Structures are given as structure tokens and as C-alpha cells.
Amino acid sequence: MRFAVELKKGKGVWVFVSDLVTGKYINDQEHRQRYSNLRTALKGSLIGKDGQKFIESDGSRNYRLSTHPDFVTYDLKKLKTHPDSQITALIKT
């Protein structure tokens, strides 16, 4: 979700792993398997696209969604009532 928020903001769109730790979205910045797991989880939604290219790394622990912001959609009403407080907090940013 954090990647989608940054993509929609359009401010460079890179998400720094250190910011994910600071924001308490993750607790271990060395654990890179989570990005592979995310790519795998999104595979069915990518319509044949390569997950490695969709969640892109710059090699310096920064990640982003490599797509046009208009290609990422969401249901704002559902996100506003999401049970995870971190998700609802992201909606307010």
C-alpha cells in the first residue's frame, strides 16, 4: 500500500526501506524476502507482467512500483474502513 501511495503522490515514487522502518511498516530493513513475497502475491493481478519489474529496486534498498499511476486503482471507501490502522493512516496522507 505504501508503494501505491507514493506512486499516486508522484514525488519520485521511490520508497526508502529506512522510511518503512521509521514509519513502523516493517521492523527489519535487512529482510529482503518480503519484496519477493509481495511480487508473488501480486502475480495474479499483474496480467502476465513480470513481478520483478513491477516492484523495482534501485539496488540501494529503495523500491517502487514501476507503472503509470493511473494503472493503480483502489476502493477508497473500503480502505477508509480497513481494520488495519496503518492502512487507514496511509489513506489520510
PDB file of N, CA and C in Angstrom:
ATOM      1  N   MET A   1       0.825  -1.190   0.000  1.00  0.00           N
ATOM      2  CA  MET A   1       0.000   0.000   0.000  1.00  0.00           C
ATOM      3  C   MET A   1       0.870   1.256   0.000  1.00  0.00           C
ATOM      4  N   ARG A   2       1.945   1.180   0.749  1.00  0.00           N
ATOM      5  CA  ARG A   2       2.847   2.342   0.824  1.00  0.00           C
ATOM      6  C   ARG A   2       3.417   2.673  -0.561  1.00  0.00           C
ATOM      7  N   PHE A   3       3.731   1.661  -1.355  1.00  0.00           N
ATOM      8  CA  PHE A   3       4.234   1.898  -2.707  1.00  0.00           C
ATOM      9  C   PHE A   3       3.181   2.610  -3.559  1.00  0.00           C
ATOM     10  N   ALA A   4       1.930   2.198  -3.437  1.00  0.00           N
ATOM     11  CA  ALA A   4       0.849   2.816  -4.209  1.00  0.00           C
ATOM     12  C   ALA A   4       0.650   4.269  -3.803  1.00  0.00           C
ATOM     13  N   VAL A   5       0.751   4.557  -2.511  1.00  0.00           N
ATOM     14  CA  VAL A   5       0.597   5.935  -2.036  1.00  0.00           C
ATOM     15  C   VAL A   5       1.671   6.825  -2.648  1.00  0.00           C
ATOM     16  N   GLU A   6       2.903   6.378  -2.606  1.00  0.00           N
ATOM     17  CA  GLU A   6       4.000   7.180  -3.168  1.00  0.00           C
ATOM     18  C   GLU A   6       3.855   7.345  -4.678  1.00  0.00           C
ATOM     19  N   LEU A   7       3.409   6.301  -5.346  1.00  0.00           N
ATOM     20  CA  LEU A   7       3.199   6.387  -6.790  1.00  0.00           C
ATOM     21  C   LEU A   7       2.145   7.435  -7.117  1.00  0.00           C
ATOM     22  N   LYS A   8       1.053   7.437  -6.355  1.00  0.00           N
ATOM     23  CA  LYS A   8      -0.027   8.400  -6.596  1.00  0.00           C
ATOM     24  C   LYS A   8       0.402   9.830  -6.258  1.00  0.00           C
ATOM     25  N   LYS A   9       1.292   9.991  -5.277  1.00  0.00           N
ATOM     26  CA  LYS A   9       1.795  11.325  -4.929  1.00  0.00           C
ATOM     27  C   LYS A   9       2.661  11.886  -6.050  1.00  0.00           C
ATOM     28  N   GLY A  10       3.385  10.989  -6.726  1.00  0.00           N
ATOM     29  CA  GLY A  10       4.234  11.412  -7.835  1.00  0.00           C
ATOM     30  C   GLY A  10       5.498  12.124  -7.428  1.00  0.00           C
ATOM     31  N   LYS A  11       5.957  11.950  -6.204  1.00  0.00           N
ATOM     32  CA  LYS A  11       7.157  12.629  -5.724  1.00  0.00           C
ATOM     33  C   LYS A  11       8.370  11.708  -5.815  1.00  0.00           C
ATOM     34  N   GLY A  12       8.753  11.329  -6.988  1.00  0.00           N
ATOM     35  CA  GLY A  12       9.904  10.451  -7.147  1.00  0.00           C
ATOM     36  C   GLY A  12       9.556   8.987  -7.004  1.00  0.00           C
ATOM     37  N   VAL A  13       8.507   8.685  -6.355  1.00  0.00           N
ATOM     38  CA  VAL A  13       7.891   7.374  -6.168  1.00  0.00           C
ATOM     39  C   VAL A  13       8.754   6.311  -5.506  1.00  0.00           C
ATOM     40  N   TRP A  14      10.009   6.566  -5.222  1.00  0.00           N
ATOM     41  CA  TRP A  14      10.835   5.579  -4.526  1.00  0.00           C
ATOM     42  C   TRP A  14      10.437   5.538  -3.063  1.00  0.00           C
ATOM     43  N   VAL A  15      10.334   4.340  -2.536  1.00  0.00           N
ATOM     44  CA  VAL A  15      10.069   4.147  -1.111  1.00  0.00           C
ATOM     45  C   VAL A  15      11.375   3.659  -0.502  1.00  0.00           C
ATOM     46  N   PHE A  16      11.879   4.402   0.460  1.00  0.00           N
ATOM     47  CA  PHE A  16      13.128   4.060   1.110  1.00  0.00           C
ATOM     48  C   PHE A  16      12.851   3.094   2.251  1.00  0.00           C
ATOM     49  N   VAL A  17      13.582   1.999   2.291  1.00  0.00           N
ATOM     50  CA  VAL A  17      13.381   0.994   3.326  1.00  0.00           C
ATOM     51  C   VAL A  17      13.550   1.611   4.710  1.00  0.00           C
ATOM     52  N   SER A  18      14.475   2.540   4.849  1.00  0.00           N
ATOM     53  CA  SER A  18      14.666   3.196   6.150  1.00  0.00           C
ATOM     54  C   SER A  18      13.396   3.946   6.576  1.00  0.00           C
ATOM     55  N   ASP A  19      12.655   4.513   5.615  1.00  0.00           N
ATOM     56  CA  ASP A  19      11.395   5.186   5.941  1.00  0.00           C
ATOM     57  C   ASP A  19      10.320   4.176   6.352  1.00  0.00           C
ATOM     58  N   LEU A  20      10.361   2.985   5.772  1.00  0.00           N
ATOM     59  CA  LEU A  20       9.410   1.947   6.164  1.00  0.00           C
ATOM     60  C   LEU A  20       9.665   1.505   7.598  1.00  0.00           C
ATOM     61  N   VAL A  21      10.931   1.446   7.987  1.00  0.00           N
ATOM     62  CA  VAL A  21      11.286   1.086   9.364  1.00  0.00           C
ATOM     63  C   VAL A  21      10.868   2.210  10.310  1.00  0.00           C
ATOM     64  N   THR A  22      11.203   3.446   9.963  1.00  0.00           N
ATOM     65  CA  THR A  22      10.851   4.596  10.791  1.00  0.00           C
ATOM     66  C   THR A  22       9.335   4.713  10.976  1.00  0.00           C
ATOM     67  N   GLY A  23       8.583   4.467   9.909  1.00  0.00           N
ATOM     68  CA  GLY A  23       7.127   4.535   9.976  1.00  0.00           C
ATOM     69  C   GLY A  23       6.489   3.307  10.588  1.00  0.00           C
ATOM     70  N   LYS A  24       7.327   2.349  11.004  1.00  0.00           N
ATOM     71  CA  LYS A  24       6.876   1.098  11.634  1.00  0.00           C
ATOM     72  C   LYS A  24       6.013   0.237  10.710  1.00  0.00           C
ATOM     73  N   TYR A  25       6.251   0.342   9.391  1.00  0.00           N
ATOM     74  CA  TYR A  25       5.578  -0.541   8.440  1.00  0.00           C
ATOM     75  C   TYR A  25       6.280  -1.894   8.409  1.00  0.00           C
ATOM     76  N   ILE A  26       7.597  -1.861   8.622  1.00  0.00           N
ATOM     77  CA  ILE A  26       8.386  -3.080   8.744  1.00  0.00           C
ATOM     78  C   ILE A  26       9.322  -2.901   9.923  1.00  0.00           C
ATOM     79  N   ASN A  27       9.847  -4.014  10.454  1.00  0.00           N
ATOM     80  CA  ASN A  27      10.746  -3.884  11.602  1.00  0.00           C
ATOM     81  C   ASN A  27      12.164  -4.363  11.314  1.00  0.00           C
ATOM     82  N   ASP A  28      12.413  -4.870  10.124  1.00  0.00           N
ATOM     83  CA  ASP A  28      13.732  -5.383   9.783  1.00  0.00           C
ATOM     84  C   ASP A  28      14.083  -4.971   8.361  1.00  0.00           C
ATOM     85  N   GLN A  29      14.930  -3.984   8.214  1.00  0.00           N
ATOM     86  CA  GLN A  29      15.235  -3.499   6.869  1.00  0.00           C
ATOM     87  C   GLN A  29      16.156  -4.433   6.100  1.00  0.00           C
ATOM     88  N   GLU A  30      16.750  -5.415   6.749  1.00  0.00           N
ATOM     89  CA  GLU A  30      17.627  -6.358   6.065  1.00  0.00           C
ATOM     90  C   GLU A  30      16.866  -7.514   5.439  1.00  0.00           C
ATOM     91  N   HIS A  31      15.634  -7.728   5.830  1.00  0.00           N
ATOM     92  CA  HIS A  31      14.842  -8.871   5.358  1.00  0.00           C
ATOM     93  C   HIS A  31      14.268  -8.550   3.976  1.00  0.00           C
ATOM     94  N   ARG A  32      14.931  -8.992   2.931  1.00  0.00           N
ATOM     95  CA  ARG A  32      14.519  -8.653   1.563  1.00  0.00           C
ATOM     96  C   ARG A  32      13.504  -9.632   0.989  1.00  0.00           C
ATOM     97  N   GLN A  33      13.281 -10.757   1.669  1.00  0.00           N
ATOM     98  CA  GLN A  33      12.346 -11.755   1.175  1.00  0.00           C
ATOM     99  C   GLN A  33      10.929 -11.195   1.074  1.00  0.00           C
ATOM    100  N   ARG A  34      10.598 -10.198   1.880  1.00  0.00           N
ATOM    101  CA  ARG A  34       9.238  -9.623   1.856  1.00  0.00           C
ATOM    102  C   ARG A  34       8.893  -9.053   0.486  1.00  0.00           C
ATOM    103  N   TYR A  35       9.862  -8.518  -0.237  1.00  0.00           N
ATOM    104  CA  TYR A  35       9.584  -7.936  -1.549  1.00  0.00           C
ATOM    105  C   TYR A  35       9.330  -9.032  -2.578  1.00  0.00           C
ATOM    106  N   SER A  36      10.054 -10.120  -2.459  1.00  0.00           N
ATOM    107  CA  SER A  36       9.799 -11.271  -3.318  1.00  0.00           C
ATOM    108  C   SER A  36       8.412 -11.842  -3.027  1.00  0.00           C
ATOM    109  N   ASN A  37       8.062 -11.931  -1.739  1.00  0.00           N
ATOM    110  CA  ASN A  37       6.739 -12.422  -1.358  1.00  0.00           C
ATOM    111  C   ASN A  37       5.642 -11.509  -1.894  1.00  0.00           C
ATOM    112  N   LEU A  38       5.861 -10.217  -1.854  1.00  0.00           N
ATOM    113  CA  LEU A  38       4.881  -9.262  -2.376  1.00  0.00           C
ATOM    114  C   LEU A  38       4.733  -9.420  -3.888  1.00  0.00           C
ATOM    115  N   ARG A  39       5.843  -9.585  -4.566  1.00  0.00           N
ATOM    116  CA  ARG A  39       5.787  -9.809  -6.023  1.00  0.00           C
ATOM    117  C   ARG A  39       4.972 -11.061  -6.341  1.00  0.00           C
ATOM    118  N   THR A  40       5.196 -12.117  -5.560  1.00  0.00           N
ATOM    119  CA  THR A  40       4.460 -13.365  -5.760  1.00  0.00           C
ATOM    120  C   THR A  40       2.976 -13.174  -5.485  1.00  0.00           C
ATOM    121  N   ALA A  41       2.636 -12.456  -4.425  1.00  0.00           N
ATOM    122  CA  ALA A  41       1.242 -12.219  -4.070  1.00  0.00           C
ATOM    123  C   ALA A  41       0.511 -11.412  -5.139  1.00  0.00           C
ATOM    124  N   LEU A  42       1.206 -10.503  -5.790  1.00  0.00           N
ATOM    125  CA  LEU A  42       0.594  -9.656  -6.814  1.00  0.00           C
ATOM    126  C   LEU A  42       0.559 -10.296  -8.197  1.00  0.00           C
ATOM    127  N   LYS A  43       1.235 -11.418  -8.354  1.00  0.00           N
ATOM    128  CA  LYS A  43       1.396 -12.032  -9.672  1.00  0.00           C
ATOM    129  C   LYS A  43       0.076 -12.199 -10.423  1.00  0.00           C
ATOM    130  N   GLY A  44      -0.973 -12.656  -9.754  1.00  0.00           N
ATOM    131  CA  GLY A  44      -2.258 -12.857 -10.415  1.00  0.00           C
ATOM    132  C   GLY A  44      -2.896 -11.570 -10.898  1.00  0.00           C
ATOM    133  N   SER A  45      -2.550 -10.460 -10.286  1.00  0.00           N
ATOM    134  CA  SER A  45      -3.117  -9.168 -10.672  1.00  0.00           C
ATOM    135  C   SER A  45      -2.305  -8.458 -11.746  1.00  0.00           C
ATOM    136  N   LEU A  46      -1.155  -8.970 -12.050  1.00  0.00           N
ATOM    137  CA  LEU A  46      -0.259  -8.288 -12.992  1.00  0.00           C
ATOM    138  C   LEU A  46      -0.512  -8.647 -14.450  1.00  0.00           C
ATOM    139  N   ILE A  47      -1.443  -9.519 -14.694  1.00  0.00           N
ATOM    140  CA  ILE A  47      -1.847  -9.901 -16.053  1.00  0.00           C
ATOM    141  C   ILE A  47      -0.630 -10.199 -16.935  1.00  0.00           C
ATOM    142  N   GLY A  48       0.156 -11.164 -16.492  1.00  0.00           N
ATOM    143  CA  GLY A  48       1.288 -11.609 -17.299  1.00  0.00           C
ATOM    144  C   GLY A  48       2.542 -10.756 -17.198  1.00  0.00           C
ATOM    145  N   LYS A  49       2.529  -9.695 -16.425  1.00  0.00           N
ATOM    146  CA  LYS A  49       3.720  -8.850 -16.281  1.00  0.00           C
ATOM    147  C   LYS A  49       4.689  -9.497 -15.292  1.00  0.00           C
ATOM    148  N   ASP A  50       5.937  -9.143 -15.386  1.00  0.00           N
ATOM    149  CA  ASP A  50       6.983  -9.664 -14.516  1.00  0.00           C
ATOM    150  C   ASP A  50       6.975  -8.912 -13.187  1.00  0.00           C
ATOM    151  N   GLY A  51       6.749  -9.629 -12.083  1.00  0.00           N
ATOM    152  CA  GLY A  51       6.714  -9.008 -10.759  1.00  0.00           C
ATOM    153  C   GLY A  51       8.014  -8.330 -10.390  1.00  0.00           C
ATOM    154  N   GLN A  52       9.128  -8.888 -10.861  1.00  0.00           N
ATOM    155  CA  GLN A  52      10.437  -8.293 -10.591  1.00  0.00           C
ATOM    156  C   GLN A  52      10.535  -6.899 -11.196  1.00  0.00           C
ATOM    157  N   LYS A  53       9.943  -6.715 -12.352  1.00  0.00           N
ATOM    158  CA  LYS A  53       9.963  -5.400 -12.998  1.00  0.00           C
ATOM    159  C   LYS A  53       8.878  -4.480 -12.446  1.00  0.00           C
ATOM    160  N   PHE A  54       7.796  -5.054 -11.920  1.00  0.00           N
ATOM    161  CA  PHE A  54       6.701  -4.241 -11.389  1.00  0.00           C
ATOM    162  C   PHE A  54       7.089  -3.609 -10.056  1.00  0.00           C
ATOM    163  N   ILE A  55       7.686  -4.383  -9.158  1.00  0.00           N
ATOM    164  CA  ILE A  55       8.232  -3.834  -7.920  1.00  0.00           C
ATOM    165  C   ILE A  55       9.732  -3.762  -8.143  1.00  0.00           C
ATOM    166  N   GLU A  56      10.167  -2.588  -8.465  1.00  0.00           N
ATOM    167  CA  GLU A  56      11.535  -2.360  -8.907  1.00  0.00           C
ATOM    168  C   GLU A  56      12.417  -1.930  -7.741  1.00  0.00           C
ATOM    169  N   SER A  57      13.668  -2.380  -7.761  1.00  0.00           N
ATOM    170  CA  SER A  57      14.655  -1.984  -6.768  1.00  0.00           C
ATOM    171  C   SER A  57      15.765  -1.212  -7.463  1.00  0.00           C
ATOM    172  N   ASP A  58      16.278  -0.204  -6.791  1.00  0.00           N
ATOM    173  CA  ASP A  58      17.393   0.546  -7.381  1.00  0.00           C
ATOM    174  C   ASP A  58      18.748   0.013  -6.914  1.00  0.00           C
ATOM    175  N   GLY A  59      18.729  -1.094  -6.148  1.00  0.00           N
ATOM    176  CA  GLY A  59      19.965  -1.686  -5.658  1.00  0.00           C
ATOM    177  C   GLY A  59      20.492  -1.051  -4.389  1.00  0.00           C
ATOM    178  N   SER A  60      19.809  -0.015  -3.901  1.00  0.00           N
ATOM    179  CA  SER A  60      20.224   0.679  -2.676  1.00  0.00           C
ATOM    180  C   SER A  60      19.133   0.641  -1.611  1.00  0.00           C
ATOM    181  N   ARG A  61      18.372  -0.461  -1.601  1.00  0.00           N
ATOM    182  CA  ARG A  61      17.290  -0.658  -0.636  1.00  0.00           C
ATOM    183  C   ARG A  61      16.139   0.329  -0.808  1.00  0.00           C
ATOM    184  N   ASN A  62      15.919   0.743  -2.007  1.00  0.00           N
ATOM    185  CA  ASN A  62      14.776   1.591  -2.332  1.00  0.00           C
ATOM    186  C   ASN A  62      13.934   0.844  -3.356  1.00  0.00           C
ATOM    187  N   TYR A  63      12.626   0.941  -3.207  1.00  0.00           N
ATOM    188  CA  TYR A  63      11.719   0.195  -4.072  1.00  0.00           C
ATOM    189  C   TYR A  63      10.623   1.115  -4.571  1.00  0.00           C
ATOM    190  N   ARG A  64      10.023   0.729  -5.692  1.00  0.00           N
ATOM    191  CA  ARG A  64       8.891   1.477  -6.220  1.00  0.00           C
ATOM    192  C   ARG A  64       8.064   0.582  -7.132  1.00  0.00           C
ATOM    193  N   LEU A  65       6.841   1.022  -7.375  1.00  0.00           N
ATOM    194  CA  LEU A  65       6.009   0.375  -8.377  1.00  0.00           C
ATOM    195  C   LEU A  65       6.379   0.989  -9.712  1.00  0.00           C
ATOM    196  N   SER A  66       6.740   0.160 -10.646  1.00  0.00           N
ATOM    197  CA  SER A  66       7.174   0.637 -11.952  1.00  0.00           C
ATOM    198  C   SER A  66       6.001   0.563 -12.929  1.00  0.00           C
ATOM    199  N   THR A  67       5.111   1.529 -12.795  1.00  0.00           N
ATOM    200  CA  THR A  67       3.943   1.617 -13.664  1.00  0.00           C
ATOM    201  C   THR A  67       3.414   3.046 -13.628  1.00  0.00           C
ATOM    202  N   HIS A  68       2.518   3.363 -14.512  1.00  0.00           N
ATOM    203  CA  HIS A  68       1.891   4.684 -14.510  1.00  0.00           C
ATOM    204  C   HIS A  68       0.882   4.745 -13.369  1.00  0.00           C
ATOM    205  N   PRO A  69       0.792   5.859 -12.644  1.00  0.00           N
ATOM    206  CA  PRO A  69      -0.146   5.963 -11.518  1.00  0.00           C
ATOM    207  C   PRO A  69      -1.597   5.654 -11.880  1.00  0.00           C
ATOM    208  N   ASP A  70      -1.993   5.935 -13.102  1.00  0.00           N
ATOM    209  CA  ASP A  70      -3.378   5.678 -13.496  1.00  0.00           C
ATOM    210  C   ASP A  70      -3.695   4.189 -13.597  1.00  0.00           C
ATOM    211  N   PHE A  71      -2.669   3.354 -13.642  1.00  0.00           N
ATOM    212  CA  PHE A  71      -2.887   1.910 -13.728  1.00  0.00           C
ATOM    213  C   PHE A  71      -3.088   1.266 -12.357  1.00  0.00           C
ATOM    214  N   VAL A  72      -2.930   2.028 -11.301  1.00  0.00           N
ATOM    215  CA  VAL A  72      -3.148   1.529  -9.946  1.00  0.00           C
ATOM    216  C   VAL A  72      -4.482   2.087  -9.458  1.00  0.00           C
ATOM    217  N   THR A  73      -5.405   1.194  -9.176  1.00  0.00           N
ATOM    218  CA  THR A  73      -6.722   1.614  -8.707  1.00  0.00           C
ATOM    219  C   THR A  73      -7.012   1.010  -7.331  1.00  0.00           C
ATOM    220  N   TYR A  74      -7.962   1.583  -6.638  1.00  0.00           N
ATOM    221  CA  TYR A  74      -8.313   1.126  -5.300  1.00  0.00           C
ATOM    222  C   TYR A  74      -9.726   1.574  -4.977  1.00  0.00           C
ATOM    223  N   ASP A  75     -10.306   0.951  -3.970  1.00  0.00           N
ATOM    224  CA  ASP A  75     -11.638   1.292  -3.496  1.00  0.00           C
ATOM    225  C   ASP A  75     -11.477   2.126  -2.224  1.00  0.00           C
ATOM    226  N   LEU A  76     -11.548   3.432  -2.348  1.00  0.00           N
ATOM    227  CA  LEU A  76     -11.299   4.341  -1.238  1.00  0.00           C
ATOM    228  C   LEU A  76     -12.254   4.094  -0.072  1.00  0.00           C
ATOM    229  N   LYS A  77     -13.499   3.798  -0.352  1.00  0.00           N
ATOM    230  CA  LYS A  77     -14.481   3.552   0.710  1.00  0.00           C
ATOM    231  C   LYS A  77     -14.055   2.360   1.577  1.00  0.00           C
ATOM    232  N   LYS A  78     -13.606   1.286   0.936  1.00  0.00           N
ATOM    233  CA  LYS A  78     -13.163   0.109   1.689  1.00  0.00           C
ATOM    234  C   LYS A  78     -11.872   0.386   2.453  1.00  0.00           C
ATOM    235  N   LEU A  79     -10.974   1.137   1.842  1.00  0.00           N
ATOM    236  CA  LEU A  79      -9.712   1.432   2.513  1.00  0.00           C
ATOM    237  C   LEU A  79      -9.918   2.310   3.749  1.00  0.00           C
ATOM    238  N   LYS A  80     -10.871   3.213   3.704  1.00  0.00           N
ATOM    239  CA  LYS A  80     -11.142   4.083   4.851  1.00  0.00           C
ATOM    240  C   LYS A  80     -11.666   3.313   6.051  1.00  0.00           C
ATOM    241  N   THR A  81     -12.247   2.148   5.803  1.00  0.00           N
ATOM    242  CA  THR A  81     -12.782   1.334   6.906  1.00  0.00           C
ATOM    243  C   THR A  81     -11.962   0.061   7.107  1.00  0.00           C
ATOM    244  N   HIS A  82     -10.757   0.049   6.612  1.00  0.00           N
ATOM    245  CA  HIS A  82      -9.886  -1.122   6.731  1.00  0.00           C
ATOM    246  C   HIS A  82      -9.576  -1.380   8.212  1.00  0.00           C
ATOM    247  N   PRO A  83      -9.545  -2.655   8.634  1.00  0.00           N
ATOM    248  CA  PRO A  83      -9.275  -2.967  10.038  1.00  0.00           C
ATOM    249  C   PRO A  83      -7.838  -2.668  10.490  1.00  0.00           C
ATOM    250  N   ASP A  84      -6.910  -2.544   9.555  1.00  0.00           N
ATOM    251  CA  ASP A  84      -5.514  -2.248   9.907  1.00  0.00           C
ATOM    252  C   ASP A  84      -5.339  -0.730   9.982  1.00  0.00           C
ATOM    253  N   SER A  85      -5.005  -0.230  11.155  1.00  0.00           N
ATOM    254  CA  SER A  85      -4.882   1.217  11.359  1.00  0.00           C
ATOM    255  C   SER A  85      -3.786   1.839  10.503  1.00  0.00           C
ATOM    256  N   GLN A  86      -2.758   1.073  10.147  1.00  0.00           N
ATOM    257  CA  GLN A  86      -1.705   1.611   9.284  1.00  0.00           C
ATOM    258  C   GLN A  86      -2.245   1.891   7.888  1.00  0.00           C
ATOM    259  N   ILE A  87      -3.158   1.069   7.426  1.00  0.00           N
ATOM    260  CA  ILE A  87      -3.763   1.290   6.106  1.00  0.00           C
ATOM    261  C   ILE A  87      -4.622   2.552   6.143  1.00  0.00           C
ATOM    262  N   THR A  88      -5.456   2.692   7.149  1.00  0.00           N
ATOM    263  CA  THR A  88      -6.306   3.887   7.219  1.00  0.00           C
ATOM    264  C   THR A  88      -5.465   5.144   7.406  1.00  0.00           C
ATOM    265  N   ALA A  89      -4.356   5.045   8.107  1.00  0.00           N
ATOM    266  CA  ALA A  89      -3.456   6.198   8.268  1.00  0.00           C
ATOM    267  C   ALA A  89      -2.848   6.598   6.935  1.00  0.00           C
ATOM    268  N   LEU A  90      -2.514   5.623   6.101  1.00  0.00           N
ATOM    269  CA  LEU A  90      -1.945   5.923   4.780  1.00  0.00           C
ATOM    270  C   LEU A  90      -2.954   6.645   3.904  1.00  0.00           C
ATOM    271  N   ILE A  91      -4.218   6.334   4.052  1.00  0.00           N
ATOM    272  CA  ILE A  91      -5.257   6.970   3.254  1.00  0.00           C
ATOM    273  C   ILE A  91      -5.325   8.471   3.556  1.00  0.00           C
ATOM    274  N   LYS A  92      -4.994   8.831   4.763  1.00  0.00           N
ATOM    275  CA  LYS A  92      -5.062  10.240   5.181  1.00  0.00           C
ATOM    276  C   LYS A  92      -3.849  11.035   4.730  1.00  0.00           C
ATOM    277  N   THR A  93      -2.805  10.361   4.203  1.00  0.00           N
ATOM    278  CA  THR A  93      -1.599  11.090   3.786  1.00  0.00           C
ATOM    279  C   THR A  93      -1.729  11.651   2.405  1.00  0.00           C
TER     280      THR A  93
END
